[in-house]
PDB file of N, CA and C in Angstrom:
ATOM      1  N   UNK A   1     127.028 167.767 139.106  1.00  0.00           N
ATOM      2  CA  UNK A   1     125.771 167.508 139.782  1.00  0.00           C
ATOM      3  C   UNK A   1     124.706 167.024 138.796  1.00  0.00           C
ATOM      4  N   UNK A   2     124.705 167.575 137.591  1.00  0.00           N
ATOM      5  CA  UNK A   2     123.723 167.158 136.588  1.00  0.00           C
ATOM      6  C   UNK A   2     123.931 165.691 136.214  1.00  0.00           C
ATOM      7  N   UNK A   3     125.180 165.313 136.017  1.00  0.00           N
ATOM      8  CA  UNK A   3     125.473 163.925 135.648  1.00  0.00           C
ATOM      9  C   UNK A   3     125.041 162.981 136.761  1.00  0.00           C
ATOM     10  N   UNK A   4     125.287 163.367 137.997  1.00  0.00           N
ATOM     11  CA  UNK A   4     124.870 162.539 139.131  1.00  0.00           C
ATOM     12  C   UNK A   4     123.346 162.402 139.164  1.00  0.00           C
ATOM     13  N   UNK A   5     122.638 163.490 138.889  1.00  0.00           N
ATOM     14  CA  UNK A   5     121.173 163.449 138.872  1.00  0.00           C
ATOM     15  C   UNK A   5     120.662 162.523 137.776  1.00  0.00           C
ATOM     16  N   UNK A   6     121.285 162.587 136.603  1.00  0.00           N
ATOM     17  CA  UNK A   6     120.885 161.703 135.505  1.00  0.00           C
ATOM     18  C   UNK A   6     121.157 160.247 135.876  1.00  0.00           C
ATOM     19  N   UNK A   7     122.309 159.991 136.468  1.00  0.00           N
ATOM     20  CA  UNK A   7     122.660 158.637 136.909  1.00  0.00           C
ATOM     21  C   UNK A   7     121.642 158.132 137.927  1.00  0.00           C
ATOM     22  N   UNK A   8     121.290 158.970 138.895  1.00  0.00           N
ATOM     23  CA  UNK A   8     120.295 158.595 139.904  1.00  0.00           C
ATOM     24  C   UNK A   8     118.943 158.305 139.257  1.00  0.00           C
ATOM     25  N   UNK A   9     118.563 159.132 138.284  1.00  0.00           N
ATOM     26  CA  UNK A   9     117.287 158.939 137.595  1.00  0.00           C
ATOM     27  C   UNK A   9     117.284 157.630 136.807  1.00  0.00           C
ATOM     28  N   UNK A  10     118.369 157.329 136.122  1.00  0.00           N
ATOM     29  CA  UNK A  10     118.461 156.070 135.377  1.00  0.00           C
ATOM     30  C   UNK A  10     118.322 154.890 136.326  1.00  0.00           C
ATOM     31  N   UNK A  11     118.922 154.988 137.494  1.00  0.00           N
ATOM     32  CA  UNK A  11     118.831 153.900 138.466  1.00  0.00           C
ATOM     33  C   UNK A  11     117.422 153.699 139.007  1.00  0.00           C
ATOM     34  N   UNK A  12     116.559 154.691 138.856  1.00  0.00           N
ATOM     35  CA  UNK A  12     115.172 154.566 139.313  1.00  0.00           C
ATOM     36  C   UNK A  12     114.265 153.913 138.270  1.00  0.00           C
ATOM     37  N   UNK A  13     114.767 153.744 137.048  1.00  0.00           N
ATOM     38  CA  UNK A  13     113.990 153.052 136.016  1.00  0.00           C
ATOM     39  C   UNK A  13     113.885 151.568 136.349  1.00  0.00           C
ATOM     40  N   UNK A  14     112.862 150.906 135.784  1.00  0.00           N
ATOM     41  CA  UNK A  14     112.808 149.461 135.990  1.00  0.00           C
ATOM     42  C   UNK A  14     113.974 148.814 135.232  1.00  0.00           C
ATOM     43  N   UNK A  15     114.268 147.587 135.577  1.00  0.00           N
ATOM     44  CA  UNK A  15     115.466 146.907 135.062  1.00  0.00           C
ATOM     45  C   UNK A  15     115.532 146.914 133.532  1.00  0.00           C
ATOM     46  N   UNK A  16     114.435 146.524 132.874  1.00  0.00           N
ATOM     47  CA  UNK A  16     114.441 146.448 131.408  1.00  0.00           C
ATOM     48  C   UNK A  16     114.716 147.804 130.777  1.00  0.00           C
ATOM     49  N   UNK A  17     114.062 148.845 131.286  1.00  0.00           N
ATOM     50  CA  UNK A  17     114.262 150.183 130.733  1.00  0.00           C
ATOM     51  C   UNK A  17     115.671 150.689 131.012  1.00  0.00           C
ATOM     52  N   UNK A  18     116.182 150.409 132.180  1.00  0.00           N
ATOM     53  CA  UNK A  18     117.533 150.848 132.538  1.00  0.00           C
ATOM     54  C   UNK A  18     118.570 150.245 131.584  1.00  0.00           C
ATOM     55  N   UNK A  19     118.477 148.943 131.360  1.00  0.00           N
ATOM     56  CA  UNK A  19     119.427 148.262 130.480  1.00  0.00           C
ATOM     57  C   UNK A  19     119.355 148.837 129.066  1.00  0.00           C
ATOM     58  N   UNK A  20     118.143 149.023 128.558  1.00  0.00           N
ATOM     59  CA  UNK A  20     117.957 149.555 127.202  1.00  0.00           C
ATOM     60  C   UNK A  20     118.532 150.959 127.079  1.00  0.00           C
ATOM     61  N   UNK A  21     118.241 151.833 128.035  1.00  0.00           N
ATOM     62  CA  UNK A  21     118.738 153.217 127.997  1.00  0.00           C
ATOM     63  C   UNK A  21     120.267 153.231 128.038  1.00  0.00           C
ATOM     64  N   UNK A  22     120.849 152.403 128.878  1.00  0.00           N
ATOM     65  CA  UNK A  22     122.313 152.343 128.970  1.00  0.00           C
ATOM     66  C   UNK A  22     122.913 151.857 127.649  1.00  0.00           C
ATOM     67  N   UNK A  23     122.360 150.778 127.106  1.00  0.00           N
ATOM     68  CA  UNK A  23     122.903 150.236 125.856  1.00  0.00           C
ATOM     69  C   UNK A  23     122.767 151.218 124.698  1.00  0.00           C
ATOM     70  N   UNK A  24     121.626 151.895 124.597  1.00  0.00           N
ATOM     71  CA  UNK A  24     121.379 152.778 123.448  1.00  0.00           C
ATOM     72  C   UNK A  24     121.989 154.159 123.640  1.00  0.00           C
ATOM     73  N   UNK A  25     121.623 154.819 124.731  1.00  0.00           N
ATOM     74  CA  UNK A  25     121.959 156.235 124.882  1.00  0.00           C
ATOM     75  C   UNK A  25     123.331 156.488 125.504  1.00  0.00           C
ATOM     76  N   UNK A  26     123.848 155.532 126.236  1.00  0.00           N
ATOM     77  CA  UNK A  26     125.161 155.730 126.856  1.00  0.00           C
ATOM     78  C   UNK A  26     126.248 154.985 126.073  1.00  0.00           C
ATOM     79  N   UNK A  27     125.978 153.725 125.743  1.00  0.00           N
ATOM     80  CA  UNK A  27     126.991 152.938 125.044  1.00  0.00           C
ATOM     81  C   UNK A  27     126.880 153.014 123.526  1.00  0.00           C
ATOM     82  N   UNK A  28     125.761 153.512 123.008  1.00  0.00           N
ATOM     83  CA  UNK A  28     125.633 153.775 121.583  1.00  0.00           C
ATOM     84  C   UNK A  28     125.336 152.588 120.682  1.00  0.00           C
ATOM     85  N   UNK A  29     124.834 151.497 121.235  1.00  0.00           N
ATOM     86  CA  UNK A  29     124.487 150.349 120.404  1.00  0.00           C
ATOM     87  C   UNK A  29     123.280 150.678 119.528  1.00  0.00           C
ATOM     88  N   UNK A  30     123.208 150.038 118.370  1.00  0.00           N
ATOM     89  CA  UNK A  30     122.062 150.211 117.469  1.00  0.00           C
ATOM     90  C   UNK A  30     120.884 149.386 117.984  1.00  0.00           C
ATOM     91  N   UNK A  31     119.695 149.678 117.430  1.00  0.00           N
ATOM     92  CA  UNK A  31     118.510 148.887 117.787  1.00  0.00           C
ATOM     93  C   UNK A  31     118.750 147.417 117.462  1.00  0.00           C
ATOM     94  N   UNK A  32     119.332 147.169 116.303  1.00  0.00           N
ATOM     95  CA  UNK A  32     119.612 145.795 115.887  1.00  0.00           C
ATOM     96  C   UNK A  32     120.560 145.109 116.873  1.00  0.00           C
ATOM     97  N   UNK A  33     121.644 145.790 117.234  1.00  0.00           N
ATOM     98  CA  UNK A  33     122.615 145.202 118.170  1.00  0.00           C
ATOM     99  C   UNK A  33     121.967 144.902 119.519  1.00  0.00           C
ATOM    100  N   UNK A  34     121.161 145.829 120.002  1.00  0.00           N
ATOM    101  CA  UNK A  34     120.484 145.621 121.289  1.00  0.00           C
ATOM    102  C   UNK A  34     119.536 144.430 121.201  1.00  0.00           C
ATOM    103  N   UNK A  35     118.827 144.317 120.082  1.00  0.00           N
ATOM    104  CA  UNK A  35     117.896 143.192 119.930  1.00  0.00           C
ATOM    105  C   UNK A  35     118.639 141.863 119.986  1.00  0.00           C
ATOM    106  N   UNK A  36     119.833 141.812 119.423  1.00  0.00           N
ATOM    107  CA  UNK A  36     120.625 140.582 119.457  1.00  0.00           C
ATOM    108  C   UNK A  36     121.207 140.336 120.853  1.00  0.00           C
ATOM    109  N   UNK A  37     121.684 141.385 121.513  1.00  0.00           N
ATOM    110  CA  UNK A  37     122.254 141.247 122.857  1.00  0.00           C
ATOM    111  C   UNK A  37     121.207 140.719 123.829  1.00  0.00           C
ATOM    112  N   UNK A  38     119.987 141.274 123.754  1.00  0.00           N
ATOM    113  CA  UNK A  38     118.936 140.932 124.715  1.00  0.00           C
ATOM    114  C   UNK A  38     117.990 139.839 124.216  1.00  0.00           C
ATOM    115  N   UNK A  39     118.200 139.403 122.966  1.00  0.00           N
ATOM    116  CA  UNK A  39     117.357 138.367 122.371  1.00  0.00           C
ATOM    117  C   UNK A  39     115.877 138.764 122.371  1.00  0.00           C
ATOM    118  N   UNK A  40     115.612 139.999 121.934  1.00  0.00           N
ATOM    119  CA  UNK A  40     114.254 140.515 121.786  1.00  0.00           C
ATOM    120  C   UNK A  40     114.140 141.175 120.412  1.00  0.00           C
ATOM    121  N   UNK A  41     112.924 141.433 119.973  1.00  0.00           N
ATOM    122  CA  UNK A  41     112.744 142.043 118.651  1.00  0.00           C
ATOM    123  C   UNK A  41     113.144 143.517 118.669  1.00  0.00           C
ATOM    124  N   UNK A  42     113.449 144.037 117.474  1.00  0.00           N
ATOM    125  CA  UNK A  42     113.772 145.464 117.368  1.00  0.00           C
ATOM    126  C   UNK A  42     112.578 146.317 117.776  1.00  0.00           C
ATOM    127  N   UNK A  43     111.369 145.855 117.495  1.00  0.00           N
ATOM    128  CA  UNK A  43     110.169 146.584 117.910  1.00  0.00           C
ATOM    129  C   UNK A  43     110.081 146.712 119.420  1.00  0.00           C
ATOM    130  N   UNK A  44     110.425 145.639 120.117  1.00  0.00           N
ATOM    131  CA  UNK A  44     110.431 145.667 121.583  1.00  0.00           C
ATOM    132  C   UNK A  44     111.503 146.621 122.086  1.00  0.00           C
ATOM    133  N   UNK A  45     112.657 146.607 121.446  1.00  0.00           N
ATOM    134  CA  UNK A  45     113.730 147.540 121.809  1.00  0.00           C
ATOM    135  C   UNK A  45     113.226 148.971 121.682  1.00  0.00           C
ATOM    136  N   UNK A  46     112.614 149.292 120.550  1.00  0.00           N
ATOM    137  CA  UNK A  46     112.138 150.654 120.307  1.00  0.00           C
ATOM    138  C   UNK A  46     111.076 151.072 121.312  1.00  0.00           C
ATOM    139  N   UNK A  47     110.149 150.173 121.631  1.00  0.00           N
ATOM    140  CA  UNK A  47     109.098 150.544 122.579  1.00  0.00           C
ATOM    141  C   UNK A  47     109.664 150.720 123.983  1.00  0.00           C
ATOM    142  N   UNK A  48     110.622 149.878 124.371  1.00  0.00           N
ATOM    143  CA  UNK A  48     111.232 150.034 125.698  1.00  0.00           C
ATOM    144  C   UNK A  48     112.053 151.315 125.787  1.00  0.00           C
ATOM    145  N   UNK A  49     112.731 151.673 124.704  1.00  0.00           N
ATOM    146  CA  UNK A  49     113.484 152.927 124.692  1.00  0.00           C
ATOM    147  C   UNK A  49     112.527 154.103 124.832  1.00  0.00           C
ATOM    148  N   UNK A  50     111.435 154.057 124.092  1.00  0.00           N
ATOM    149  CA  UNK A  50     110.455 155.141 124.154  1.00  0.00           C
ATOM    150  C   UNK A  50     109.886 155.286 125.564  1.00  0.00           C
ATOM    151  N   UNK A  51     109.454 154.181 126.151  1.00  0.00           N
ATOM    152  CA  UNK A  51     108.905 154.224 127.517  1.00  0.00           C
ATOM    153  C   UNK A  51     109.975 154.621 128.520  1.00  0.00           C
ATOM    154  N   UNK A  52     111.181 154.100 128.343  1.00  0.00           N
ATOM    155  CA  UNK A  52     112.269 154.424 129.261  1.00  0.00           C
ATOM    156  C   UNK A  52     112.619 155.900 129.237  1.00  0.00           C
ATOM    157  N   UNK A  53     112.694 156.477 128.046  1.00  0.00           N
ATOM    158  CA  UNK A  53     113.000 157.912 127.932  1.00  0.00           C
ATOM    159  C   UNK A  53     111.886 158.758 128.536  1.00  0.00           C
ATOM    160  N   UNK A  54     110.641 158.353 128.309  1.00  0.00           N
ATOM    161  CA  UNK A  54     109.511 159.080 128.891  1.00  0.00           C
ATOM    162  C   UNK A  54     109.574 159.019 130.415  1.00  0.00           C
ATOM    163  N   UNK A  55     109.812 157.832 130.956  1.00  0.00           N
ATOM    164  CA  UNK A  55     109.917 157.687 132.410  1.00  0.00           C
ATOM    165  C   UNK A  55     111.114 158.454 132.959  1.00  0.00           C
ATOM    166  N   UNK A  56     112.226 158.428 132.239  1.00  0.00           N
ATOM    167  CA  UNK A  56     113.421 159.160 132.660  1.00  0.00           C
ATOM    168  C   UNK A  56     113.130 160.657 132.723  1.00  0.00           C
ATOM    169  N   UNK A  57     112.440 161.173 131.724  1.00  0.00           N
ATOM    170  CA  UNK A  57     112.047 162.586 131.705  1.00  0.00           C
ATOM    171  C   UNK A  57     111.176 162.915 132.913  1.00  0.00           C
ATOM    172  N   UNK A  58     110.194 162.057 133.194  1.00  0.00           N
ATOM    173  CA  UNK A  58     109.310 162.293 134.336  1.00  0.00           C
ATOM    174  C   UNK A  58     110.071 162.266 135.659  1.00  0.00           C
ATOM    175  N   UNK A  59     110.993 161.333 135.797  1.00  0.00           N
ATOM    176  CA  UNK A  59     111.797 161.235 137.019  1.00  0.00           C
ATOM    177  C   UNK A  59     112.660 162.481 137.187  1.00  0.00           C
ATOM    178  N   UNK A  60     113.303 162.917 136.103  1.00  0.00           N
ATOM    179  CA  UNK A  60     114.154 164.111 136.178  1.00  0.00           C
ATOM    180  C   UNK A  60     113.332 165.357 136.508  1.00  0.00           C
ATOM    181  N   UNK A  61     112.137 165.467 135.926  1.00  0.00           N
ATOM    182  CA  UNK A  61     111.271 166.607 136.249  1.00  0.00           C
ATOM    183  C   UNK A  61     110.871 166.580 137.715  1.00  0.00           C
ATOM    184  N   UNK A  62     110.533 165.407 138.217  1.00  0.00           N
ATOM    185  CA  UNK A  62     110.177 165.257 139.627  1.00  0.00           C
ATOM    186  C   UNK A  62     111.350 165.657 140.517  1.00  0.00           C
ATOM    187  N   UNK A  63     112.543 165.223 140.155  1.00  0.00           N
ATOM    188  CA  UNK A  63     113.736 165.569 140.935  1.00  0.00           C
ATOM    189  C   UNK A  63     113.978 167.076 140.907  1.00  0.00           C
ATOM    190  N   UNK A  64     113.757 167.696 139.752  1.00  0.00           N
ATOM    191  CA  UNK A  64     113.952 169.135 139.609  1.00  0.00           C
ATOM    192  C   UNK A  64     112.995 169.904 140.508  1.00  0.00           C
ATOM    193  N   UNK A  65     111.728 169.500 140.492  1.00  0.00           N
ATOM    194  CA  UNK A  65     110.724 170.218 141.280  1.00  0.00           C
ATOM    195  C   UNK A  65     110.888 169.989 142.780  1.00  0.00           C
ATOM    196  N   UNK A  66     111.338 168.808 143.180  1.00  0.00           N
ATOM    197  CA  UNK A  66     111.517 168.554 144.610  1.00  0.00           C
ATOM    198  C   UNK A  66     112.784 169.210 145.146  1.00  0.00           C
ATOM    199  N   UNK A  67     113.731 169.521 144.256  1.00  0.00           N
ATOM    200  CA  UNK A  67     114.969 170.178 144.687  1.00  0.00           C
ATOM    201  C   UNK A  67     114.910 171.688 144.547  1.00  0.00           C
ATOM    202  N   UNK A  68     113.817 172.213 143.996  1.00  0.00           N
ATOM    203  CA  UNK A  68     113.700 173.669 143.799  1.00  0.00           C
ATOM    204  C   UNK A  68     113.301 174.368 145.078  1.00  0.00           C
TER     205      UNK A  68
END
């Protein structure tokens, strides 16, 4: 159930954040590799990961409180 909740939360992220989170946190690509795959700077990768993780945390907290 936890894995399903995380999957659902990831799917609620915007497209850019979802792709970054999947590439970094699920598939394990480096910042450099992601920057080359997506043709963006490493700084952009890092900022999108940071925002994506923050949004993911907020979504999961919201899901937790609405299911309690």
